[in-house]
Amino acid sequence: MGDLSENREDVLNLIEESITKWQGKLERAKANKDFSIGRDDCPLCEEFHEDGAIAPCIECPIMTKTGAKECNKTPWLKVYFACSTGSREGIVEAVREEIDFLQEVYSDYKEGKI
């Protein structure tokens, strides 16, 4: 786990990377292709998640925004459940919500709200 608390630009870049990854997932979902939604495919998790920690996501801007660790209280959960049902339309809708959420996180972080 890195320490980016001093460098907001680096965190903004990680959020942008996450948005870009989710946009790719949206294209895969529209084409009815598989994609990963795990921590190993998230730039923010790669930087901020610490396995076994009491507060594993403490510096992540998503946790700062929602107050919940491991992307609870985010559209990620909706994506997870949509993927388990296999409904392409539900998956596409949930992925779009995740992208919108990440764009909101980006804006809030850039404006210093989180």
PDB file of N, CA and C in Angstrom:
ATOM      1  N   MET A   1       0.846  -1.182   0.000  1.00  0.00           N
ATOM      2  CA  MET A   1       0.000   0.000   0.000  1.00  0.00           C
ATOM      3  C   MET A   1       0.881   1.231   0.000  1.00  0.00           C
ATOM      4  N   GLY A   2       0.614   2.135  -0.910  1.00  0.00           N
ATOM      5  CA  GLY A   2       1.404   3.344  -1.020  1.00  0.00           C
ATOM      6  C   GLY A   2       0.865   4.450  -0.153  1.00  0.00           C
ATOM      7  N   ASP A   3       1.574   5.578  -0.168  1.00  0.00           N
ATOM      8  CA  ASP A   3       1.118   6.740   0.569  1.00  0.00           C
ATOM      9  C   ASP A   3       0.968   7.895  -0.400  1.00  0.00           C
ATOM     10  N   LEU A   4      -0.249   8.085  -0.867  1.00  0.00           N
ATOM     11  CA  LEU A   4      -0.520   9.157  -1.820  1.00  0.00           C
ATOM     12  C   LEU A   4      -1.259  10.318  -1.176  1.00  0.00           C
ATOM     13  N   SER A   5      -1.385  10.279   0.157  1.00  0.00           N
ATOM     14  CA  SER A   5      -2.182  11.303   0.813  1.00  0.00           C
ATOM     15  C   SER A   5      -1.658  12.708   0.539  1.00  0.00           C
ATOM     16  N   GLU A   6      -0.375  12.837   0.239  1.00  0.00           N
ATOM     17  CA  GLU A   6       0.211  14.140  -0.030  1.00  0.00           C
ATOM     18  C   GLU A   6       0.072  14.567  -1.489  1.00  0.00           C
ATOM     19  N   ASN A   7      -0.201  13.626  -2.392  1.00  0.00           N
ATOM     20  CA  ASN A   7      -0.194  13.949  -3.810  1.00  0.00           C
ATOM     21  C   ASN A   7      -1.561  13.708  -4.434  1.00  0.00           C
ATOM     22  N   ARG A   8      -2.377  14.724  -4.414  1.00  0.00           N
ATOM     23  CA  ARG A   8      -3.747  14.615  -4.926  1.00  0.00           C
ATOM     24  C   ARG A   8      -3.769  14.320  -6.426  1.00  0.00           C
ATOM     25  N   GLU A   9      -2.811  14.826  -7.165  1.00  0.00           N
ATOM     26  CA  GLU A   9      -2.774  14.591  -8.612  1.00  0.00           C
ATOM     27  C   GLU A   9      -2.600  13.099  -8.909  1.00  0.00           C
ATOM     28  N   ASP A  10      -1.770  12.418  -8.134  1.00  0.00           N
ATOM     29  CA  ASP A  10      -1.590  10.977  -8.328  1.00  0.00           C
ATOM     30  C   ASP A  10      -2.884  10.218  -8.043  1.00  0.00           C
ATOM     31  N   VAL A  11      -3.602  10.642  -7.021  1.00  0.00           N
ATOM     32  CA  VAL A  11      -4.875   9.989  -6.700  1.00  0.00           C
ATOM     33  C   VAL A  11      -5.886  10.256  -7.816  1.00  0.00           C
ATOM     34  N   LEU A  12      -5.926  11.473  -8.324  1.00  0.00           N
ATOM     35  CA  LEU A  12      -6.816  11.778  -9.446  1.00  0.00           C
ATOM     36  C   LEU A  12      -6.487  10.896 -10.646  1.00  0.00           C
ATOM     37  N   ASN A  13      -5.203  10.670 -10.893  1.00  0.00           N
ATOM     38  CA  ASN A  13      -4.801   9.791 -11.991  1.00  0.00           C
ATOM     39  C   ASN A  13      -5.298   8.368 -11.768  1.00  0.00           C
ATOM     40  N   LEU A  14      -5.235   7.892 -10.529  1.00  0.00           N
ATOM     41  CA  LEU A  14      -5.738   6.548 -10.228  1.00  0.00           C
ATOM     42  C   LEU A  14      -7.248   6.463 -10.441  1.00  0.00           C
ATOM     43  N   ILE A  15      -7.963   7.512 -10.062  1.00  0.00           N
ATOM     44  CA  ILE A  15      -9.414   7.528 -10.282  1.00  0.00           C
ATOM     45  C   ILE A  15      -9.697   7.515 -11.783  1.00  0.00           C
ATOM     46  N   GLU A  16      -8.947   8.308 -12.545  1.00  0.00           N
ATOM     47  CA  GLU A  16      -9.114   8.304 -13.999  1.00  0.00           C
ATOM     48  C   GLU A  16      -8.830   6.924 -14.591  1.00  0.00           C
ATOM     49  N   GLU A  17      -7.779   6.269 -14.101  1.00  0.00           N
ATOM     50  CA  GLU A  17      -7.469   4.913 -14.561  1.00  0.00           C
ATOM     51  C   GLU A  17      -8.633   3.968 -14.271  1.00  0.00           C
ATOM     52  N   SER A  18      -9.232   4.128 -13.103  1.00  0.00           N
ATOM     53  CA  SER A  18     -10.379   3.287 -12.740  1.00  0.00           C
ATOM     54  C   SER A  18     -11.557   3.549 -13.670  1.00  0.00           C
ATOM     55  N   ILE A  19     -11.821   4.804 -13.958  1.00  0.00           N
ATOM     56  CA  ILE A  19     -12.913   5.148 -14.875  1.00  0.00           C
ATOM     57  C   ILE A  19     -12.655   4.523 -16.245  1.00  0.00           C
ATOM     58  N   THR A  20     -11.437   4.633 -16.731  1.00  0.00           N
ATOM     59  CA  THR A  20     -11.085   4.062 -18.030  1.00  0.00           C
ATOM     60  C   THR A  20     -11.280   2.549 -18.025  1.00  0.00           C
ATOM     61  N   LYS A  21     -10.866   1.888 -16.947  1.00  0.00           N
ATOM     62  CA  LYS A  21     -11.060   0.431 -16.862  1.00  0.00           C
ATOM     63  C   LYS A  21     -12.541   0.087 -16.894  1.00  0.00           C
ATOM     64  N   TRP A  22     -13.358   0.857 -16.178  1.00  0.00           N
ATOM     65  CA  TRP A  22     -14.790   0.573 -16.155  1.00  0.00           C
ATOM     66  C   TRP A  22     -15.441   0.875 -17.503  1.00  0.00           C
ATOM     67  N   GLN A  23     -14.931   1.851 -18.221  1.00  0.00           N
ATOM     68  CA  GLN A  23     -15.454   2.098 -19.568  1.00  0.00           C
ATOM     69  C   GLN A  23     -15.167   0.900 -20.476  1.00  0.00           C
ATOM     70  N   GLY A  24     -14.001   0.290 -20.310  1.00  0.00           N
ATOM     71  CA  GLY A  24     -13.692  -0.932 -21.047  1.00  0.00           C
ATOM     72  C   GLY A  24     -14.610  -2.074 -20.646  1.00  0.00           C
ATOM     73  N   LYS A  25     -14.931  -2.146 -19.363  1.00  0.00           N
ATOM     74  CA  LYS A  25     -15.848  -3.186 -18.880  1.00  0.00           C
ATOM     75  C   LYS A  25     -17.240  -2.973 -19.457  1.00  0.00           C
ATOM     76  N   LEU A  26     -17.622  -1.708 -19.612  1.00  0.00           N
ATOM     77  CA  LEU A  26     -18.926  -1.410 -20.209  1.00  0.00           C
ATOM     78  C   LEU A  26     -18.984  -1.937 -21.640  1.00  0.00           C
ATOM     79  N   GLU A  27     -17.938  -1.709 -22.392  1.00  0.00           N
ATOM     80  CA  GLU A  27     -17.906  -2.218 -23.770  1.00  0.00           C
ATOM     81  C   GLU A  27     -17.964  -3.743 -23.788  1.00  0.00           C
ATOM     82  N   ARG A  28     -17.268  -4.390 -22.875  1.00  0.00           N
ATOM     83  CA  ARG A  28     -17.306  -5.854 -22.796  1.00  0.00           C
ATOM     84  C   ARG A  28     -18.704  -6.330 -22.389  1.00  0.00           C
ATOM     85  N   ALA A  29     -19.333  -5.613 -21.456  1.00  0.00           N
ATOM     86  CA  ALA A  29     -20.686  -5.992 -21.023  1.00  0.00           C
ATOM     87  C   ALA A  29     -21.678  -5.863 -22.175  1.00  0.00           C
ATOM     88  N   LYS A  30     -21.560  -4.791 -22.937  1.00  0.00           N
ATOM     89  CA  LYS A  30     -22.454  -4.597 -24.091  1.00  0.00           C
ATOM     90  C   LYS A  30     -22.279  -5.721 -25.116  1.00  0.00           C
ATOM     91  N   ALA A  31     -21.049  -6.222 -25.234  1.00  0.00           N
ATOM     92  CA  ALA A  31     -20.758  -7.303 -26.192  1.00  0.00           C
ATOM     93  C   ALA A  31     -20.983  -8.679 -25.567  1.00  0.00           C
ATOM     94  N   ASN A  32     -21.515  -8.694 -24.340  1.00  0.00           N
ATOM     95  CA  ASN A  32     -21.794  -9.941 -23.617  1.00  0.00           C
ATOM     96  C   ASN A  32     -20.519 -10.773 -23.387  1.00  0.00           C
ATOM     97  N   LYS A  33     -19.426 -10.072 -23.079  1.00  0.00           N
ATOM     98  CA  LYS A  33     -18.150 -10.716 -22.796  1.00  0.00           C
ATOM     99  C   LYS A  33     -17.832 -10.581 -21.312  1.00  0.00           C
ATOM    100  N   ASP A  34     -17.082 -11.537 -20.808  1.00  0.00           N
ATOM    101  CA  ASP A  34     -16.678 -11.523 -19.403  1.00  0.00           C
ATOM    102  C   ASP A  34     -15.695 -10.393 -19.118  1.00  0.00           C
ATOM    103  N   PHE A  35     -15.664  -9.965 -17.853  1.00  0.00           N
ATOM    104  CA  PHE A  35     -14.685  -8.983 -17.384  1.00  0.00           C
ATOM    105  C   PHE A  35     -14.524  -9.153 -15.886  1.00  0.00           C
ATOM    106  N   SER A  36     -13.406  -8.681 -15.377  1.00  0.00           N
ATOM    107  CA  SER A  36     -13.091  -8.810 -13.953  1.00  0.00           C
ATOM    108  C   SER A  36     -13.611  -7.603 -13.183  1.00  0.00           C
ATOM    109  N   ILE A  37     -14.109  -7.856 -11.975  1.00  0.00           N
ATOM    110  CA  ILE A  37     -14.506  -6.756 -11.093  1.00  0.00           C
ATOM    111  C   ILE A  37     -13.810  -6.864  -9.746  1.00  0.00           C
ATOM    112  N   GLY A  38     -12.749  -7.646  -9.687  1.00  0.00           N
ATOM    113  CA  GLY A  38     -12.049  -7.868  -8.436  1.00  0.00           C
ATOM    114  C   GLY A  38     -11.027  -6.795  -8.110  1.00  0.00           C
ATOM    115  N   ARG A  39     -10.511  -6.879  -6.878  1.00  0.00           N
ATOM    116  CA  ARG A  39      -9.500  -5.921  -6.419  1.00  0.00           C
ATOM    117  C   ARG A  39      -8.259  -5.932  -7.289  1.00  0.00           C
ATOM    118  N   ASP A  40      -7.961  -7.078  -7.875  1.00  0.00           N
ATOM    119  CA  ASP A  40      -6.756  -7.179  -8.692  1.00  0.00           C
ATOM    120  C   ASP A  40      -6.879  -6.432 -10.021  1.00  0.00           C
ATOM    121  N   ASP A  41      -8.056  -5.911 -10.316  1.00  0.00           N
ATOM    122  CA  ASP A  41      -8.280  -5.176 -11.561  1.00  0.00           C
ATOM    123  C   ASP A  41      -8.672  -3.721 -11.295  1.00  0.00           C
ATOM    124  N   CYS A  42      -8.335  -3.223 -10.112  1.00  0.00           N
ATOM    125  CA  CYS A  42      -8.711  -1.862  -9.743  1.00  0.00           C
ATOM    126  C   CYS A  42      -7.470  -1.074  -9.324  1.00  0.00           C
ATOM    127  N   PRO A  43      -7.146  -0.013 -10.045  1.00  0.00           N
ATOM    128  CA  PRO A  43      -5.984   0.795  -9.671  1.00  0.00           C
ATOM    129  C   PRO A  43      -6.068   1.365  -8.254  1.00  0.00           C
ATOM    130  N   LEU A  44      -7.270   1.738  -7.818  1.00  0.00           N
ATOM    131  CA  LEU A  44      -7.421   2.261  -6.463  1.00  0.00           C
ATOM    132  C   LEU A  44      -7.173   1.175  -5.420  1.00  0.00           C
ATOM    133  N   CYS A  45      -7.699  -0.016  -5.654  1.00  0.00           N
ATOM    134  CA  CYS A  45      -7.457  -1.124  -4.721  1.00  0.00           C
ATOM    135  C   CYS A  45      -5.978  -1.501  -4.680  1.00  0.00           C
ATOM    136  N   GLU A  46      -5.349  -1.508  -5.840  1.00  0.00           N
ATOM    137  CA  GLU A  46      -3.921  -1.837  -5.881  1.00  0.00           C
ATOM    138  C   GLU A  46      -3.118  -0.880  -5.012  1.00  0.00           C
ATOM    139  N   GLU A  47      -3.533   0.366  -4.954  1.00  0.00           N
ATOM    140  CA  GLU A  47      -2.810   1.370  -4.173  1.00  0.00           C
ATOM    141  C   GLU A  47      -3.233   1.396  -2.706  1.00  0.00           C
ATOM    142  N   PHE A  48      -4.531   1.277  -2.428  1.00  0.00           N
ATOM    143  CA  PHE A  48      -5.030   1.561  -1.089  1.00  0.00           C
ATOM    144  C   PHE A  48      -5.479   0.357  -0.276  1.00  0.00           C
ATOM    145  N   HIS A  49      -5.787  -0.765  -0.897  1.00  0.00           N
ATOM    146  CA  HIS A  49      -6.310  -1.903  -0.138  1.00  0.00           C
ATOM    147  C   HIS A  49      -5.177  -2.679   0.506  1.00  0.00           C
ATOM    148  N   GLU A  50      -5.349  -2.965   1.787  1.00  0.00           N
ATOM    149  CA  GLU A  50      -4.354  -3.736   2.530  1.00  0.00           C
ATOM    150  C   GLU A  50      -5.060  -4.926   3.172  1.00  0.00           C
ATOM    151  N   ASP A  51      -4.794  -6.115   2.648  1.00  0.00           N
ATOM    152  CA  ASP A  51      -5.410  -7.332   3.191  1.00  0.00           C
ATOM    153  C   ASP A  51      -5.083  -7.484   4.667  1.00  0.00           C
ATOM    154  N   GLY A  52      -6.083  -7.874   5.430  1.00  0.00           N
ATOM    155  CA  GLY A  52      -5.894  -8.147   6.845  1.00  0.00           C
ATOM    156  C   GLY A  52      -5.902  -6.928   7.742  1.00  0.00           C
ATOM    157  N   ALA A  53      -5.959  -5.748   7.180  1.00  0.00           N
ATOM    158  CA  ALA A  53      -5.968  -4.530   7.984  1.00  0.00           C
ATOM    159  C   ALA A  53      -7.350  -4.315   8.594  1.00  0.00           C
ATOM    160  N   ILE A  54      -7.383  -3.668   9.729  1.00  0.00           N
ATOM    161  CA  ILE A  54      -8.661  -3.363  10.369  1.00  0.00           C
ATOM    162  C   ILE A  54      -9.466  -2.412   9.483  1.00  0.00           C
ATOM    163  N   ALA A  55      -8.808  -1.447   8.888  1.00  0.00           N
ATOM    164  CA  ALA A  55      -9.443  -0.518   7.945  1.00  0.00           C
ATOM    165  C   ALA A  55      -8.668  -0.615   6.632  1.00  0.00           C
ATOM    166  N   PRO A  56      -8.970  -1.635   5.809  1.00  0.00           N
ATOM    167  CA  PRO A  56      -8.134  -1.931   4.647  1.00  0.00           C
ATOM    168  C   PRO A  56      -8.116  -0.877   3.548  1.00  0.00           C
ATOM    169  N   CYS A  57      -9.036   0.053   3.559  1.00  0.00           N
ATOM    170  CA  CYS A  57      -9.131   1.029   2.459  1.00  0.00           C
ATOM    171  C   CYS A  57      -9.052   2.460   2.985  1.00  0.00           C
ATOM    172  N   ILE A  58      -8.421   2.651   4.098  1.00  0.00           N
ATOM    173  CA  ILE A  58      -8.509   3.896   4.854  1.00  0.00           C
ATOM    174  C   ILE A  58      -8.212   5.155   4.051  1.00  0.00           C
ATOM    175  N   GLU A  59      -7.279   5.138   3.119  1.00  0.00           N
ATOM    176  CA  GLU A  59      -6.948   6.345   2.366  1.00  0.00           C
ATOM    177  C   GLU A  59      -7.621   6.404   0.996  1.00  0.00           C
ATOM    178  N   CYS A  60      -8.404   5.411   0.649  1.00  0.00           N
ATOM    179  CA  CYS A  60      -9.048   5.379  -0.661  1.00  0.00           C
ATOM    180  C   CYS A  60     -10.129   6.462  -0.737  1.00  0.00           C
ATOM    181  N   PRO A  61     -10.152   7.224  -1.827  1.00  0.00           N
ATOM    182  CA  PRO A  61     -11.170   8.271  -1.946  1.00  0.00           C
ATOM    183  C   PRO A  61     -12.597   7.722  -1.988  1.00  0.00           C
ATOM    184  N   ILE A  62     -12.760   6.480  -2.401  1.00  0.00           N
ATOM    185  CA  ILE A  62     -14.101   5.885  -2.396  1.00  0.00           C
ATOM    186  C   ILE A  62     -14.564   5.666  -0.963  1.00  0.00           C
ATOM    187  N   MET A  63     -13.679   5.140  -0.117  1.00  0.00           N
ATOM    188  CA  MET A  63     -14.043   4.959   1.291  1.00  0.00           C
ATOM    189  C   MET A  63     -14.263   6.321   1.956  1.00  0.00           C
ATOM    190  N   THR A  64     -13.451   7.292   1.598  1.00  0.00           N
ATOM    191  CA  THR A  64     -13.625   8.632   2.161  1.00  0.00           C
ATOM    192  C   THR A  64     -15.004   9.180   1.806  1.00  0.00           C
ATOM    193  N   LYS A  65     -15.440   8.937   0.575  1.00  0.00           N
ATOM    194  CA  LYS A  65     -16.753   9.433   0.130  1.00  0.00           C
ATOM    195  C   LYS A  65     -17.911   8.685   0.792  1.00  0.00           C
ATOM    196  N   THR A  66     -17.816   7.347   0.837  1.00  0.00           N
ATOM    197  CA  THR A  66     -18.953   6.550   1.305  1.00  0.00           C
ATOM    198  C   THR A  66     -18.896   6.214   2.793  1.00  0.00           C
ATOM    199  N   GLY A  67     -17.700   6.225   3.361  1.00  0.00           N
ATOM    200  CA  GLY A  67     -17.535   5.803   4.745  1.00  0.00           C
ATOM    201  C   GLY A  67     -17.526   4.293   4.911  1.00  0.00           C
ATOM    202  N   ALA A  68     -17.520   3.568   3.792  1.00  0.00           N
ATOM    203  CA  ALA A  68     -17.583   2.102   3.836  1.00  0.00           C
ATOM    204  C   ALA A  68     -16.352   1.510   3.159  1.00  0.00           C
ATOM    205  N   LYS A  69     -15.832   0.450   3.736  1.00  0.00           N
ATOM    206  CA  LYS A  69     -14.662  -0.195   3.145  1.00  0.00           C
ATOM    207  C   LYS A  69     -15.076  -1.145   2.030  1.00  0.00           C
ATOM    208  N   GLU A  70     -14.104  -1.482   1.207  1.00  0.00           N
ATOM    209  CA  GLU A  70     -14.230  -2.477   0.144  1.00  0.00           C
ATOM    210  C   GLU A  70     -15.403  -2.214  -0.804  1.00  0.00           C
ATOM    211  N   CYS A  71     -15.607  -0.965  -1.118  1.00  0.00           N
ATOM    212  CA  CYS A  71     -16.626  -0.518  -2.093  1.00  0.00           C
ATOM    213  C   CYS A  71     -18.059  -0.878  -1.719  1.00  0.00           C
ATOM    214  N   ASN A  72     -18.278  -1.136  -0.428  1.00  0.00           N
ATOM    215  CA  ASN A  72     -19.658  -1.251   0.025  1.00  0.00           C
ATOM    216  C   ASN A  72     -20.274   0.141  -0.101  1.00  0.00           C
ATOM    217  N   LYS A  73     -21.546   0.204  -0.295  1.00  0.00           N
ATOM    218  CA  LYS A  73     -22.286   1.461  -0.501  1.00  0.00           C
ATOM    219  C   LYS A  73     -21.915   2.135  -1.817  1.00  0.00           C
ATOM    220  N   THR A  74     -21.504   1.346  -2.806  1.00  0.00           N
ATOM    221  CA  THR A  74     -21.223   1.882  -4.133  1.00  0.00           C
ATOM    222  C   THR A  74     -21.963   1.026  -5.165  1.00  0.00           C
ATOM    223  N   PRO A  75     -22.047   1.486  -6.395  1.00  0.00           N
ATOM    224  CA  PRO A  75     -22.665   0.674  -7.446  1.00  0.00           C
ATOM    225  C   PRO A  75     -21.900  -0.620  -7.745  1.00  0.00           C
ATOM    226  N   TRP A  76     -20.683  -0.757  -7.242  1.00  0.00           N
ATOM    227  CA  TRP A  76     -19.936  -1.999  -7.464  1.00  0.00           C
ATOM    228  C   TRP A  76     -20.755  -3.211  -7.010  1.00  0.00           C
ATOM    229  N   LEU A  77     -21.449  -3.075  -5.889  1.00  0.00           N
ATOM    230  CA  LEU A  77     -22.274  -4.193  -5.392  1.00  0.00           C
ATOM    231  C   LEU A  77     -23.372  -4.547  -6.391  1.00  0.00           C
ATOM    232  N   LYS A  78     -23.940  -3.539  -7.006  1.00  0.00           N
ATOM    233  CA  LYS A  78     -24.974  -3.779  -8.014  1.00  0.00           C
ATOM    234  C   LYS A  78     -24.386  -4.540  -9.209  1.00  0.00           C
ATOM    235  N   VAL A  79     -23.154  -4.178  -9.606  1.00  0.00           N
ATOM    236  CA  VAL A  79     -22.472  -4.891 -10.693  1.00  0.00           C
ATOM    237  C   VAL A  79     -22.259  -6.340 -10.289  1.00  0.00           C
ATOM    238  N   TYR A  80     -21.789  -6.548  -9.072  1.00  0.00           N
ATOM    239  CA  TYR A  80     -21.531  -7.895  -8.572  1.00  0.00           C
ATOM    240  C   TYR A  80     -22.798  -8.756  -8.658  1.00  0.00           C
ATOM    241  N   PHE A  81     -23.896  -8.230  -8.152  1.00  0.00           N
ATOM    242  CA  PHE A  81     -25.144  -9.003  -8.164  1.00  0.00           C
ATOM    243  C   PHE A  81     -25.698  -9.173  -9.576  1.00  0.00           C
ATOM    244  N   ALA A  82     -25.557  -8.153 -10.406  1.00  0.00           N
ATOM    245  CA  ALA A  82     -26.018  -8.270 -11.798  1.00  0.00           C
ATOM    246  C   ALA A  82     -25.228  -9.351 -12.530  1.00  0.00           C
ATOM    247  N   CYS A  83     -23.930  -9.410 -12.277  1.00  0.00           N
ATOM    248  CA  CYS A  83     -23.101 -10.439 -12.921  1.00  0.00           C
ATOM    249  C   CYS A  83     -23.515 -11.837 -12.472  1.00  0.00           C
ATOM    250  N   SER A  84     -23.934 -11.962 -11.235  1.00  0.00           N
ATOM    251  CA  SER A  84     -24.333 -13.284 -10.747  1.00  0.00           C
ATOM    252  C   SER A  84     -25.656 -13.741 -11.343  1.00  0.00           C
ATOM    253  N   THR A  85     -26.486 -12.798 -11.828  1.00  0.00           N
ATOM    254  CA  THR A  85     -27.757 -13.181 -12.449  1.00  0.00           C
ATOM    255  C   THR A  85     -27.593 -13.437 -13.939  1.00  0.00           C
ATOM    256  N   GLY A  86     -26.565 -12.829 -14.536  1.00  0.00           N
ATOM    257  CA  GLY A  86     -26.310 -13.033 -15.960  1.00  0.00           C
ATOM    258  C   GLY A  86     -27.160 -12.190 -16.885  1.00  0.00           C
ATOM    259  N   SER A  87     -27.904 -11.238 -16.357  1.00  0.00           N
ATOM    260  CA  SER A  87     -28.732 -10.365 -17.191  1.00  0.00           C
ATOM    261  C   SER A  87     -27.851  -9.295 -17.835  1.00  0.00           C
ATOM    262  N   ARG A  88     -27.651  -9.400 -19.146  1.00  0.00           N
ATOM    263  CA  ARG A  88     -26.779  -8.437 -19.833  1.00  0.00           C
ATOM    264  C   ARG A  88     -27.258  -7.010 -19.629  1.00  0.00           C
ATOM    265  N   GLU A  89     -28.553  -6.774 -19.747  1.00  0.00           N
ATOM    266  CA  GLU A  89     -29.084  -5.427 -19.571  1.00  0.00           C
ATOM    267  C   GLU A  89     -28.832  -4.911 -18.158  1.00  0.00           C
ATOM    268  N   GLY A  90     -29.008  -5.776 -17.172  1.00  0.00           N
ATOM    269  CA  GLY A  90     -28.750  -5.396 -15.782  1.00  0.00           C
ATOM    270  C   GLY A  90     -27.283  -5.108 -15.537  1.00  0.00           C
ATOM    271  N   ILE A  91     -26.412  -5.899 -16.160  1.00  0.00           N
ATOM    272  CA  ILE A  91     -24.977  -5.690 -16.018  1.00  0.00           C
ATOM    273  C   ILE A  91     -24.580  -4.356 -16.632  1.00  0.00           C
ATOM    274  N   VAL A  92     -25.057  -4.086 -17.843  1.00  0.00           N
ATOM    275  CA  VAL A  92     -24.726  -2.835 -18.535  1.00  0.00           C
ATOM    276  C   VAL A  92     -25.189  -1.636 -17.701  1.00  0.00           C
ATOM    277  N   GLU A  93     -26.407  -1.700 -17.187  1.00  0.00           N
ATOM    278  CA  GLU A  93     -26.937  -0.605 -16.367  1.00  0.00           C
ATOM    279  C   GLU A  93     -26.092  -0.401 -15.112  1.00  0.00           C
ATOM    280  N   ALA A  94     -25.734  -1.491 -14.447  1.00  0.00           N
ATOM    281  CA  ALA A  94     -24.952  -1.398 -13.217  1.00  0.00           C
ATOM    282  C   ALA A  94     -23.550  -0.851 -13.488  1.00  0.00           C
ATOM    283  N   VAL A  95     -22.934  -1.273 -14.575  1.00  0.00           N
ATOM    284  CA  VAL A  95     -21.600  -0.766 -14.932  1.00  0.00           C
ATOM    285  C   VAL A  95     -21.674   0.730 -15.233  1.00  0.00           C
ATOM    286  N   ARG A  96     -22.713   1.152 -15.910  1.00  0.00           N
ATOM    287  CA  ARG A  96     -22.883   2.600 -16.166  1.00  0.00           C
ATOM    288  C   ARG A  96     -22.992   3.377 -14.854  1.00  0.00           C
ATOM    289  N   GLU A  97     -23.718   2.814 -13.900  1.00  0.00           N
ATOM    290  CA  GLU A  97     -23.846   3.466 -12.591  1.00  0.00           C
ATOM    291  C   GLU A  97     -22.494   3.557 -11.893  1.00  0.00           C
ATOM    292  N   GLU A  98     -21.681   2.513 -12.023  1.00  0.00           N
ATOM    293  CA  GLU A  98     -20.347   2.537 -11.419  1.00  0.00           C
ATOM    294  C   GLU A  98     -19.491   3.626 -12.064  1.00  0.00           C
ATOM    295  N   ILE A  99     -19.557   3.755 -13.371  1.00  0.00           N
ATOM    296  CA  ILE A  99     -18.800   4.806 -14.065  1.00  0.00           C
ATOM    297  C   ILE A  99     -19.266   6.183 -13.596  1.00  0.00           C
ATOM    298  N   ASP A 100     -20.571   6.388 -13.526  1.00  0.00           N
ATOM    299  CA  ASP A 100     -21.105   7.669 -13.043  1.00  0.00           C
ATOM    300  C   ASP A 100     -20.622   7.956 -11.627  1.00  0.00           C
ATOM    301  N   PHE A 101     -20.633   6.930 -10.782  1.00  0.00           N
ATOM    302  CA  PHE A 101     -20.177   7.088  -9.404  1.00  0.00           C
ATOM    303  C   PHE A 101     -18.702   7.490  -9.366  1.00  0.00           C
ATOM    304  N   LEU A 102     -17.869   6.803 -10.146  1.00  0.00           N
ATOM    305  CA  LEU A 102     -16.434   7.122 -10.170  1.00  0.00           C
ATOM    306  C   LEU A 102     -16.187   8.528 -10.710  1.00  0.00           C
ATOM    307  N   GLN A 103     -16.978   8.956 -11.662  1.00  0.00           N
ATOM    308  CA  GLN A 103     -16.845  10.323 -12.167  1.00  0.00           C
ATOM    309  C   GLN A 103     -17.203  11.336 -11.076  1.00  0.00           C
ATOM    310  N   GLU A 104     -18.186  10.995 -10.265  1.00  0.00           N
ATOM    311  CA  GLU A 104     -18.551  11.852  -9.131  1.00  0.00           C
ATOM    312  C   GLU A 104     -17.420  11.883  -8.100  1.00  0.00           C
ATOM    313  N   VAL A 105     -16.824  10.723  -7.826  1.00  0.00           N
ATOM    314  CA  VAL A 105     -15.683  10.663  -6.907  1.00  0.00           C
ATOM    315  C   VAL A 105     -14.556  11.548  -7.432  1.00  0.00           C
ATOM    316  N   TYR A 106     -14.282  11.444  -8.734  1.00  0.00           N
ATOM    317  CA  TYR A 106     -13.230  12.263  -9.345  1.00  0.00           C
ATOM    318  C   TYR A 106     -13.518  13.752  -9.132  1.00  0.00           C
ATOM    319  N   SER A 107     -14.727  14.168  -9.454  1.00  0.00           N
ATOM    320  CA  SER A 107     -15.090  15.595  -9.305  1.00  0.00           C
ATOM    321  C   SER A 107     -14.986  16.052  -7.861  1.00  0.00           C
ATOM    322  N   ASP A 108     -15.537  15.247  -6.956  1.00  0.00           N
ATOM    323  CA  ASP A 108     -15.500  15.609  -5.535  1.00  0.00           C
ATOM    324  C   ASP A 108     -14.073  15.687  -5.021  1.00  0.00           C
ATOM    325  N   TYR A 109     -13.234  14.747  -5.447  1.00  0.00           N
ATOM    326  CA  TYR A 109     -11.845  14.748  -5.004  1.00  0.00           C
ATOM    327  C   TYR A 109     -11.097  15.951  -5.582  1.00  0.00           C
ATOM    328  N   LYS A 110     -11.323  16.227  -6.836  1.00  0.00           N
ATOM    329  CA  LYS A 110     -10.657  17.361  -7.498  1.00  0.00           C
ATOM    330  C   LYS A 110     -11.041  18.677  -6.848  1.00  0.00           C
ATOM    331  N   GLU A 111     -12.312  18.781  -6.446  1.00  0.00           N
ATOM    332  CA  GLU A 111     -12.808  20.007  -5.810  1.00  0.00           C
ATOM    333  C   GLU A 111     -12.487  20.069  -4.326  1.00  0.00           C
ATOM    334  N   GLY A 112     -11.854  19.042  -3.787  1.00  0.00           N
ATOM    335  CA  GLY A 112     -11.493  19.027  -2.370  1.00  0.00           C
ATOM    336  C   GLY A 112     -12.635  18.693  -1.436  1.00  0.00           C
ATOM    337  N   LYS A 113     -13.733  18.166  -1.977  1.00  0.00           N
ATOM    338  CA  LYS A 113     -14.877  17.797  -1.137  1.00  0.00           C
ATOM    339  C   LYS A 113     -14.614  16.515  -0.363  1.00  0.00           C
ATOM    340  N   ILE A 114     -13.716  15.689  -0.894  1.00  0.00           N
ATOM    341  CA  ILE A 114     -13.313  14.468  -0.183  1.00  0.00           C
ATOM    342  C   ILE A 114     -11.795  14.378  -0.191  1.00  0.00           C
TER     343      ILE A 114
END
